[in-house]
C-alpha atoms as a PDB file:
ATOM      1  CA  MET A   1      41.298  -1.361 -11.984  1.00  0.00           C
ATOM      2  CA  ALA A   2      38.314   0.332 -13.637  1.00  0.00           C
ATOM      3  CA  PRO A   3      35.431  -1.969 -13.851  1.00  0.00           C
ATOM      4  CA  THR A   4      34.922  -0.604 -17.231  1.00  0.00           C
ATOM      5  CA  ALA A   5      36.716   0.973 -20.049  1.00  0.00           C
ATOM      6  CA  ALA A   6      37.967   4.670 -18.960  1.00  0.00           C
ATOM      7  CA  GLY A   7      36.071   6.445 -22.291  1.00  0.00           C
ATOM      8  CA  TYR A   8      32.924   4.641 -20.797  1.00  0.00           C
ATOM      9  CA  ASP A   9      31.668   6.530 -18.269  1.00  0.00           C
ATOM     10  CA  VAL A  10      29.802   9.904 -19.586  1.00  0.00           C
ATOM     11  CA  ASN A  11      30.592  12.062 -16.678  1.00  0.00           C
ATOM     12  CA  PRO A  12      33.074  10.377 -14.242  1.00  0.00           C
ATOM     13  CA  GLY A  13      32.739  13.126 -11.473  1.00  0.00           C
ATOM     14  CA  THR A  14      29.075  12.578 -10.845  1.00  0.00           C
ATOM     15  CA  ALA A  15      27.774   9.695  -8.596  1.00  0.00           C
ATOM     16  CA  PRO A  16      25.233   7.726  -9.880  1.00  0.00           C
ATOM     17  CA  ASP A  17      21.550   8.331  -8.774  1.00  0.00           C
ATOM     18  CA  ALA A  18      19.675   5.908  -7.075  1.00  0.00           C
ATOM     19  CA  LEU A  19      18.971   1.992  -8.997  1.00  0.00           C
ATOM     20  CA  LEU A  20      15.205   2.071  -8.003  1.00  0.00           C
ATOM     21  CA  ASP A  21      13.190   5.199  -7.855  1.00  0.00           C
ATOM     22  CA  LEU A  22       9.739   4.692  -5.867  1.00  0.00           C
ATOM     23  CA  PRO A  23       7.217   6.138  -7.569  1.00  0.00           C
ATOM     24  CA  TRP A  24       5.457   8.516  -5.364  1.00  0.00           C
ATOM     25  CA  GLY A  25       2.093   8.692  -6.992  1.00  0.00           C
ATOM     26  CA  LEU A  26       1.493   5.312  -7.223  1.00  0.00           C
ATOM     27  CA  ALA A  27       2.365   4.774  -3.560  1.00  0.00           C
ATOM     28  CA  ALA A  28      -0.190   7.765  -2.758  1.00  0.00           C
ATOM     29  CA  GLY A  29      -2.907   6.001  -4.697  1.00  0.00           C
ATOM     30  CA  LEU A  30      -2.698   2.856  -3.320  1.00  0.00           C
ATOM     31  CA  THR A  31      -2.386   3.873   0.062  1.00  0.00           C
ATOM     32  CA  ALA A  32      -5.755   6.098  -0.296  1.00  0.00           C
ATOM     33  CA  ALA A  33      -7.191   2.904  -1.932  1.00  0.00           C
ATOM     34  CA  VAL A  34      -6.556   0.666   0.792  1.00  0.00           C
ATOM     35  CA  THR A  35      -7.907   3.429   3.436  1.00  0.00           C
ATOM     36  CA  VAL A  36     -10.874   3.983   1.753  1.00  0.00           C
ATOM     37  CA  VAL A  37     -11.190   0.148   1.709  1.00  0.00           C
ATOM     38  CA  ALA A  38     -10.462  -0.494   5.085  1.00  0.00           C
ATOM     39  CA  VAL A  39     -12.854   2.017   6.010  1.00  0.00           C
ATOM     40  CA  LEU A  40     -15.986   1.194   4.165  1.00  0.00           C
ATOM     41  CA  ALA A  41     -15.796  -2.719   5.374  1.00  0.00           C
ATOM     42  CA  SER A  42     -15.511  -1.194   8.677  1.00  0.00           C
ATOM     43  CA  LEU A  43     -18.510   0.947   8.236  1.00  0.00           C
ATOM     44  CA  LEU A  44     -20.332  -2.110   6.857  1.00  0.00           C
ATOM     45  CA  ALA A  45     -19.368  -4.323   9.711  1.00  0.00           C
ATOM     46  CA  GLN A  46     -20.262  -1.531  12.192  1.00  0.00           C
ATOM     47  CA  ARG A  47     -23.446  -1.319  10.266  1.00  0.00           C
ATOM     48  CA  THR A  48     -24.097  -5.034  10.451  1.00  0.00           C
ATOM     49  CA  VAL A  49     -23.704  -5.491  14.069  1.00  0.00           C
ATOM     50  CA  SER A  50     -25.759  -2.286  15.045  1.00  0.00           C
ATOM     51  CA  ARG A  51     -28.677  -4.034  13.081  1.00  0.00           C
ATOM     52  CA  ALA A  52     -28.605  -7.862  14.380  1.00  0.00           C
ATOM     53  CA  ASP A  53     -31.291  -8.684  17.302  1.00  0.00           C
ATOM     54  CA  PRO A  54     -29.219  -9.765  20.026  1.00  0.00           C
ATOM     55  CA  GLU A  55     -31.767 -12.495  21.093  1.00  0.00           C
ATOM     56  CA  GLU A  56     -30.828 -14.083  17.467  1.00  0.00           C
ATOM     57  CA  VAL A  57     -27.012 -13.376  17.719  1.00  0.00           C
ATOM     58  CA  LEU A  58     -27.122 -15.223  21.291  1.00  0.00           C
ATOM     59  CA  ARG A  59     -29.432 -17.720  20.434  1.00  0.00           C
ATOM     60  CA  ASP A  60     -27.646 -21.264  19.848  1.00  0.00           C
ATOM     61  CA  THR A  61     -28.584 -22.351  16.365  1.00  0.00           C
ATOM     62  CA  ARG A  62     -26.629 -25.274  15.757  1.00  0.00           C
END
């Protein structure tokens, strides 16, 4: 018993494609954007830490 009428499928000999098709361009763009943001954040953190005065960092100001 077929789930649909016999003449419904245009090409019954061919299996259907995947229902979800990943947009590879978007996935690559998002990966690149996340990588750039991570690198810039790490560079900013490194710059901030390297410019800090160790005496000020170690002093308990509370």
